[in-house]
Structure formats: C-alpha cells, structure tokens
Protein backbone atom coordinates (compact mmCIF):
# COMPACT_ATOMS: atom_id res chain seq x y z
CA MET A 1 0.04 0.01 -0.03
CA MET A 2 1.32 3.45 -1.02
CA PRO A 3 1.18 6.11 1.95
CA TYR A 4 -1.24 9.43 1.21
CA THR A 5 1.23 11.96 -0.02
CA ARG A 6 -1.05 14.99 0.37
CA GLU A 7 -3.72 15.88 2.92
CA LYS A 8 -5.95 18.82 3.88
CA ARG A 9 -7.81 19.82 6.98
CA LEU A 10 -10.95 21.60 6.76
CA ARG A 11 -14.27 22.41 9.00
CA THR A 12 -17.74 23.51 8.53
CA ARG A 13 -20.03 24.77 10.90
CA SER A 14 -23.41 23.32 9.48
CA VAL A 15 -24.91 21.08 6.98
CA ALA A 16 -25.15 23.50 4.30
CA GLY A 17 -21.46 24.39 4.84
CA THR A 18 -20.64 20.83 4.41
CA HIS A 19 -22.54 20.75 1.23
CA ALA A 20 -20.71 23.49 0.05
CA LEU A 21 -17.40 22.20 1.30
CA ALA A 22 -18.06 18.95 -0.53
CA GLU A 23 -17.15 20.90 -3.84
CA THR A 24 -13.61 21.57 -2.78
CA ILE A 25 -13.44 17.86 -1.63
CA THR A 26 -14.64 16.65 -5.03
CA GLU A 27 -12.40 18.54 -7.06
CA ILE A 28 -9.48 17.07 -4.67
CA LEU A 29 -10.74 13.54 -5.22
CA ARG A 30 -11.16 13.97 -9.22
CA SER A 31 -7.70 15.49 -9.64
CA ALA A 32 -6.30 12.29 -8.19
CA GLY A 33 -6.19 10.69 -11.61
CA LYS A 34 -8.09 8.72 -14.39
CA GLY A 35 -10.22 5.83 -13.80
CA PRO A 36 -12.34 4.81 -10.63
CA ARG A 37 -11.21 6.34 -7.48
CA LEU A 38 -11.97 4.68 -4.25
CA VAL A 39 -12.34 6.81 -1.29
CA ILE A 40 -12.97 5.80 2.56
CA LEU A 41 -15.23 8.11 4.36
CA SER A 42 -14.89 7.57 8.21
CA GLY A 43 -16.38 8.85 11.09
CA ASP A 44 -18.78 8.15 14.22
CA LEU A 45 -22.39 7.48 13.57
CA GLY A 46 -23.91 10.67 12.92
CA ALA A 47 -20.91 12.53 12.00
CA GLY A 48 -22.10 13.74 8.54
CA LYS A 49 -20.74 11.09 6.03
CA THR A 50 -24.16 10.84 4.15
CA THR A 51 -24.23 14.78 4.28
CA LEU A 52 -21.16 14.89 2.63
CA VAL A 53 -21.97 12.50 0.02
CA GLN A 54 -25.13 14.70 -0.58
CA GLY A 55 -22.83 17.38 -1.38
CA ILE A 56 -20.51 15.56 -3.41
CA ALA A 57 -23.41 14.28 -5.41
CA GLY A 58 -24.78 17.78 -5.75
CA THR A 59 -21.48 18.89 -7.15
CA LEU A 60 -21.38 16.29 -9.72
CA GLY A 61 -24.86 17.29 -10.89
CA ALA A 62 -27.06 14.83 -9.15
CA SER A 63 -29.89 15.66 -6.88
CA GLN A 64 -28.85 15.97 -3.32
CA GLU A 65 -32.40 15.06 -2.20
CA GLU A 66 -31.98 11.61 -3.54
CA VAL A 67 -28.88 10.61 -1.41
CA SER A 68 -29.64 8.65 1.51
CA SER A 69 -27.74 6.25 3.64
CA PRO A 70 -27.06 2.80 2.10
CA THR A 71 -26.91 1.27 5.37
CA PHE A 72 -29.59 -1.64 4.49
CA THR A 73 -28.82 -1.75 0.82
CA LEU A 74 -25.31 -1.54 1.19
CA LEU A 75 -24.87 0.13 -2.27
CA HIS A 76 -26.71 3.43 -3.85
CA GLU A 77 -25.30 4.28 -7.22
CA TYR A 78 -26.28 7.71 -8.48
CA PRO A 79 -26.09 9.10 -12.24
CA THR A 80 -24.56 12.41 -12.39
CA THR A 81 -23.80 14.81 -15.07
CA LYS A 82 -20.01 14.65 -14.64
CA VAL A 83 -18.64 11.04 -13.55
CA PRO A 84 -20.78 8.20 -11.88
CA LEU A 85 -21.14 8.15 -7.99
CA ALA A 86 -21.17 5.10 -6.04
CA HIS A 87 -22.02 5.26 -2.23
CA LEU A 88 -21.68 1.96 -0.44
CA ASP A 89 -21.93 1.67 3.33
CA LEU A 90 -19.97 -1.45 4.94
CA TYR A 91 -21.04 -1.25 8.46
CA ARG A 92 -23.18 -4.19 8.34
CA LEU A 93 -20.79 -6.40 6.83
CA GLU A 94 -18.35 -8.60 8.84
CA GLU A 95 -15.95 -10.72 6.58
CA GLU A 96 -13.67 -9.54 3.70
CA ARG A 97 -15.37 -12.25 1.43
CA GLU A 98 -18.71 -10.26 1.59
CA LEU A 99 -17.15 -7.52 -0.25
CA GLU A 100 -17.45 -9.62 -3.49
CA GLY A 101 -20.95 -10.11 -3.40
CA ILE A 102 -21.73 -6.46 -3.13
CA GLY A 103 -19.70 -5.79 -6.47
CA LEU A 104 -17.18 -3.21 -4.80
CA TRP A 105 -14.43 -4.77 -6.73
CA ASP A 106 -16.27 -4.55 -10.02
CA LEU A 107 -16.88 -0.70 -9.59
CA ALA A 108 -13.08 -0.20 -8.38
CA SER A 109 -11.65 -2.04 -11.33
CA GLY A 110 -13.69 -0.50 -14.13
CA THR A 111 -12.02 1.65 -16.74
CA GLU A 112 -14.61 4.52 -16.48
CA ASP A 113 -14.00 7.60 -14.35
CA SER A 114 -16.05 7.38 -11.31
CA LEU A 115 -16.06 7.75 -7.59
CA ILE A 116 -16.60 5.18 -5.35
CA VAL A 117 -17.20 6.65 -1.72
CA VAL A 118 -17.32 3.55 1.04
CA GLU A 119 -18.19 4.22 4.43
CA TRP A 120 -16.83 2.00 7.19
CA GLY A 121 -14.24 1.05 4.56
CA GLU A 122 -11.52 1.13 7.26
CA ARG A 123 -12.85 -1.95 8.56
CA PHE A 124 -11.57 -4.04 5.69
CA PRO A 125 -7.72 -4.24 4.73
CA SER A 126 -8.58 -4.66 1.16
CA VAL A 127 -10.38 -1.66 0.88
CA VAL A 128 -7.61 0.15 2.93
CA GLU A 129 -5.27 -1.19 0.62
CA ARG A 130 -6.83 -0.18 -2.82
CA ALA A 131 -8.30 3.19 -1.74
CA ASP A 132 -6.95 6.37 -3.53
CA ALA A 133 -7.93 8.60 -0.62
CA GLU A 134 -9.38 8.60 2.93
CA ILE A 135 -11.58 11.36 4.50
CA SER A 136 -12.17 11.40 8.31
CA ILE A 137 -14.85 13.44 9.89
CA GLY A 138 -15.03 14.37 13.17
CA HIS A 139 -17.42 16.64 15.80
CA GLY A 140 -15.77 19.91 16.66
CA GLU A 141 -16.42 22.29 19.41
CA ASN A 142 -20.41 22.52 19.00
CA ASP A 143 -23.08 20.25 17.82
CA THR A 144 -22.92 21.31 14.12
CA GLU A 145 -19.32 22.00 13.54
CA ARG A 146 -17.45 19.22 11.57
CA LEU A 147 -13.61 18.52 11.11
CA PHE A 148 -12.56 16.74 8.01
CA HIS A 149 -9.36 15.36 7.65
CA VAL A 150 -8.93 14.48 3.73
CA ARG A 151 -6.05 12.34 2.51
CA TRP A 152 -5.08 11.34 -0.80
CA ARG A 153 -2.39 10.18 -3.08
C-alpha cells in the first residue's frame, strides 16, 4: 500500500457548509487521476458522512435530495452529469469475503472515471489497501461543527 502523500484539514459549521465544502473535496478527489477513485469515508455514527456524500452528488450534478444512507441496501449508485457516483456502506458486513457479493471490486476495477465513496471501509484491509483517498470526519466544538481530514495520493 502506498502512503497518502497529500492532506488537507477543513472545517464546517452547518449542513449547508458541509454541502458547500463538498465541492472542494470533490475537486481534490477528481484530480487524483483517471479511472475509478475509491475513497474511504470514516467517522462516528451521525458525524455527517451521508451529508458529505449529498454535497458530492450535488457537485457532480445529481440531486442531493435523492442521496440517502445505504446502510441497509449496502450500495446506492447515482447518475450525475460529470462522473458516476457509487456510495457504499460496509457497516453491516463482517468478513472480507462479503465484499465480493456487493460488487465493490467490479466498480473499483472499471475503466470509466467514477467516484466510489465507501463508509466504514477502514474495517477491511483490502479496501484500505486499494483506497486512493480517505476522509475522516469528526465532531468539532459544538453540535454543528465538523472537522474533515482529507488524505489522498
């Protein structure tokens, strides 16, 4: 696994701020190269992972309102006007072998430019090994403040 070579720390104070910050984060992720980009999105329950994905979807030209947590469906794919967006949630998976059944590796090995955002991917060594970036979200000084640590190669 190659180490991350770049990083950025960002902060928001509202849901609207997180949606707006998603534009900057999306540009960072899209500049990482051609082909699918696999991004691990980590943070406690309620940290704002899905809120960030809503902002990313909006930045890419999809409807933010259609984005919801894939906790029970495991995978949501959103058509956008720029690149395809896949949003996965691995919280309910327990073993590496379960990753094959949800199509993660098919998405990640495609040739088309796409963005694959994986919540709870840090739980699986194979996902960490193949990730092009990681975004950690933490709580700030009050209920609405969020701290983002974006690392990418």
